[in-house]
Amino acid sequence: MATKETCTCNGPCATLMETKIIVDDATTKGTLVEKGFGEGKGRGLVLDLFEAIYLTEKGKLSVCDNKGKSISTKKLLTLGLESDKNFYTKNAVYADIKEKGYCIKTGLKFGFDFRVYPKGKKVGEAHSEYGLHVATENEKLNMTQLSRMTRLAGNIHLKAVIAVVDREDEINYYEAERLNL
């Protein structure tokens, strides 16, 4: 892990460990937790790539490798694309939701790309409000997929939302609801 003495980052710094970003500085950790970023692990804070990219693009965090060399936002995006071909589209939705003032976290264990908390709330203050599926304008969702998505959302007390990203990176959000008549 990079130490303060070896890190070439400017400002608050974190260390890349595989596909997670570790924040060790207590002040930086406290600030990020207050704003709804990361998950506490021991004395550190673990950020996912979406969070790290967002923070580096905003100039709020720098990321170094374990030798202390600065890592660019572009490199972080490339890491995400290596593990998920839809990472770019998901990252665009993540940034859009953050800009709208929501706390957004990955949602794979819930069956969605992301889970979104009510505006102004963060993890621990409220239950997730939305289960968010990210799609491109060319992606085809059949009725079975929509039915599964809305049933799952209902079972875990979320609203199912599909974020459709077009070729100009414009994002439209559609709520899918299951009616029980």
Protein backbone atom coordinates (compact mmCIF):
# COMPACT_ATOMS: atom_id res chain seq x y z
CA MET A 1 0.00 0.00 0.00
CA ALA A 2 1.25 3.49 -0.84
CA THR A 3 2.28 5.65 2.08
CA LYS A 4 1.85 9.40 2.35
CA GLU A 5 5.60 9.76 1.75
CA THR A 6 5.60 7.78 -1.54
CA CYS A 7 2.27 8.88 -3.01
CA THR A 8 2.46 11.31 -5.94
CA CYS A 9 -1.21 12.26 -5.69
CA ASN A 10 -2.38 15.80 -5.07
CA GLY A 11 -4.89 16.25 -2.27
CA PRO A 12 -6.85 13.41 -0.66
CA CYS A 13 -5.41 10.10 -1.85
CA ALA A 14 -6.58 6.50 -2.03
CA THR A 15 -4.91 3.28 -3.13
CA LEU A 16 -6.09 0.95 -5.89
CA MET A 17 -6.21 -2.70 -4.83
CA GLU A 18 -7.40 -4.85 -7.77
CA THR A 19 -10.81 -3.26 -8.55
CA LYS A 20 -11.42 -1.57 -5.19
CA ILE A 21 -10.06 1.70 -3.90
CA ILE A 22 -8.95 1.94 -0.27
CA VAL A 23 -9.02 5.21 1.67
CA ASP A 24 -6.88 5.07 4.82
CA ASP A 25 -6.78 8.75 5.82
CA ALA A 26 -9.28 9.26 8.66
CA THR A 27 -10.23 12.81 7.62
CA THR A 28 -10.86 11.85 4.00
CA LYS A 29 -12.74 8.74 5.11
CA GLY A 30 -14.98 10.79 7.41
CA THR A 31 -15.76 13.31 4.68
CA LEU A 32 -16.61 10.60 2.15
CA VAL A 33 -18.76 8.59 4.57
CA GLU A 34 -20.68 11.75 5.45
CA LYS A 35 -21.47 12.19 1.75
CA GLY A 36 -22.59 8.57 1.35
CA PHE A 37 -19.51 7.11 -0.37
CA GLY A 38 -17.88 3.76 0.29
CA GLU A 39 -18.24 0.98 2.81
CA GLY A 40 -16.26 0.88 6.02
CA LYS A 41 -13.85 -2.04 6.38
CA GLY A 42 -11.90 -1.91 9.60
CA ARG A 43 -10.16 1.45 9.81
CA GLY A 44 -10.33 2.03 6.06
CA LEU A 45 -13.03 2.88 3.58
CA VAL A 46 -13.56 0.82 0.43
CA LEU A 47 -14.80 2.59 -2.69
CA ASP A 48 -15.98 0.84 -5.84
CA LEU A 49 -14.78 1.99 -9.27
CA PHE A 50 -17.93 4.05 -9.93
CA GLU A 51 -17.38 6.04 -6.75
CA ALA A 52 -13.66 6.49 -7.38
CA ILE A 53 -14.20 7.66 -10.97
CA TYR A 54 -16.86 10.13 -9.87
CA LEU A 55 -14.65 11.54 -7.12
CA THR A 56 -11.55 11.79 -9.31
CA GLU A 57 -13.52 13.53 -12.07
CA LYS A 58 -14.74 16.06 -9.50
CA GLY A 59 -11.20 16.58 -8.19
CA LYS A 60 -12.18 15.33 -4.73
CA LEU A 61 -9.85 12.33 -4.67
CA SER A 62 -6.66 11.07 -6.28
CA VAL A 63 -5.91 7.38 -6.70
CA CYS A 64 -2.46 5.78 -6.61
CA ASP A 65 -1.26 2.24 -7.21
CA ASN A 66 0.45 0.34 -4.39
CA LYS A 67 3.81 1.84 -5.39
CA GLY A 68 2.53 5.41 -5.00
CA LYS A 69 2.14 6.23 -8.71
CA SER A 70 -0.90 8.31 -9.63
CA ILE A 71 -3.65 6.55 -11.62
CA SER A 72 -5.75 8.54 -14.08
CA THR A 73 -9.54 8.53 -14.26
CA LYS A 74 -9.19 7.06 -17.76
CA LYS A 75 -7.21 4.11 -16.35
CA LEU A 76 -9.92 3.51 -13.72
CA LEU A 77 -12.53 3.51 -16.49
CA THR A 78 -10.43 1.02 -18.47
CA LEU A 79 -10.28 -1.26 -15.41
CA GLY A 80 -14.06 -1.19 -15.19
CA LEU A 81 -14.46 -1.96 -18.89
CA GLU A 82 -12.15 -4.98 -18.55
CA SER A 83 -14.59 -6.62 -16.14
CA ASP A 84 -17.90 -5.31 -17.54
CA LYS A 85 -18.50 -4.38 -21.18
CA ASN A 86 -21.39 -2.12 -20.05
CA PHE A 87 -19.27 -0.28 -17.48
CA TYR A 88 -19.17 2.98 -19.46
CA THR A 89 -22.98 3.12 -19.68
CA LYS A 90 -23.39 2.21 -16.01
CA ASN A 91 -20.83 4.84 -15.04
CA ALA A 92 -22.79 7.50 -16.95
CA VAL A 93 -25.95 6.57 -15.03
CA TYR A 94 -24.06 6.49 -11.71
CA ALA A 95 -22.73 10.03 -12.30
CA ASP A 96 -26.16 11.31 -13.39
CA ILE A 97 -27.86 9.95 -10.27
CA LYS A 98 -25.13 11.42 -8.02
CA GLU A 99 -25.52 14.80 -9.73
CA LYS A 100 -29.24 14.67 -8.96
CA GLY A 101 -28.38 14.41 -5.24
CA TYR A 102 -29.10 10.73 -4.57
CA CYS A 103 -26.96 8.17 -2.78
CA ILE A 104 -26.34 5.30 -5.21
CA LYS A 105 -24.69 1.97 -4.49
CA THR A 106 -24.08 -1.16 -6.52
CA GLY A 107 -27.07 -3.48 -6.40
CA LEU A 108 -25.92 -6.84 -7.72
CA LYS A 109 -26.86 -8.72 -4.56
CA PHE A 110 -30.37 -7.26 -5.00
CA GLY A 111 -30.63 -8.29 -8.65
CA PHE A 112 -30.15 -4.78 -10.07
CA ASP A 113 -27.20 -2.79 -11.38
CA PHE A 114 -27.68 -0.18 -8.65
CA ARG A 115 -29.77 0.58 -5.62
CA VAL A 116 -30.75 4.19 -5.03
CA TYR A 117 -31.68 5.75 -1.71
CA PRO A 118 -34.29 8.49 -1.20
CA LYS A 119 -32.95 11.95 -2.00
CA GLY A 120 -30.90 13.32 0.88
CA LYS A 121 -30.60 9.92 2.60
CA LYS A 122 -27.72 7.46 2.65
CA VAL A 123 -27.10 3.86 3.64
CA GLY A 124 -28.29 3.28 7.18
CA GLU A 125 -30.63 6.29 7.21
CA ALA A 126 -33.28 4.77 4.96
CA HIS A 127 -34.09 1.68 2.92
CA SER A 128 -33.22 1.77 -0.79
CA GLU A 129 -36.04 3.33 -2.78
CA TYR A 130 -35.17 2.18 -6.31
CA GLY A 131 -33.67 -0.87 -7.95
CA LEU A 132 -32.02 0.44 -11.11
CA HIS A 133 -31.36 -1.55 -14.27
CA VAL A 134 -29.11 0.16 -16.84
CA ALA A 135 -29.82 -0.47 -20.53
CA THR A 136 -28.65 0.96 -23.84
CA GLU A 137 -31.18 2.17 -26.39
CA ASN A 138 -30.49 -0.97 -28.47
CA GLU A 139 -31.00 -3.44 -25.62
CA LYS A 140 -34.14 -5.50 -25.88
CA LEU A 141 -35.97 -6.44 -22.70
CA ASN A 142 -38.65 -9.08 -23.08
CA MET A 143 -41.76 -9.41 -20.95
CA THR A 144 -40.23 -12.22 -18.88
CA GLN A 145 -37.29 -9.97 -17.93
CA LEU A 146 -39.63 -7.07 -17.08
CA SER A 147 -41.86 -9.35 -15.05
CA ARG A 148 -38.88 -10.75 -13.13
CA MET A 149 -37.56 -7.25 -12.48
CA THR A 150 -40.84 -5.86 -11.18
CA ARG A 151 -41.56 -8.98 -9.08
CA LEU A 152 -38.10 -8.83 -7.52
CA ALA A 153 -38.46 -5.12 -6.81
CA GLY A 154 -41.82 -5.70 -5.16
CA ASN A 155 -40.46 -8.53 -3.03
CA ILE A 156 -37.67 -6.34 -1.62
CA HIS A 157 -39.87 -3.22 -1.39
CA LEU A 158 -38.23 -1.19 -4.16
CA LYS A 159 -39.47 0.58 -7.25
CA ALA A 160 -38.00 -0.92 -10.41
CA VAL A 161 -36.44 1.69 -12.68
CA ILE A 162 -34.85 1.18 -16.07
CA ALA A 163 -32.26 3.79 -17.06
CA VAL A 164 -31.97 3.87 -20.86
CA VAL A 165 -28.81 5.51 -22.22
CA ASP A 166 -28.90 6.59 -25.86
CA ARG A 167 -25.97 7.04 -28.24
CA GLU A 168 -25.55 10.69 -27.20
CA ASP A 169 -25.32 9.59 -23.53
CA GLU A 170 -28.72 11.11 -22.76
CA ILE A 171 -30.45 9.14 -20.02
CA ASN A 172 -34.16 8.51 -19.66
CA TYR A 173 -35.60 6.80 -16.59
CA TYR A 174 -38.64 4.55 -16.75
CA GLU A 175 -40.39 3.12 -13.73
CA ALA A 176 -41.75 -0.39 -14.24
CA GLU A 177 -44.57 -1.35 -11.93
CA ARG A 178 -46.49 -4.55 -11.44
CA LEU A 179 -50.20 -4.10 -10.91
CA ASN A 180 -52.06 -6.64 -8.85
CA LEU A 181 -55.67 -6.52 -9.95
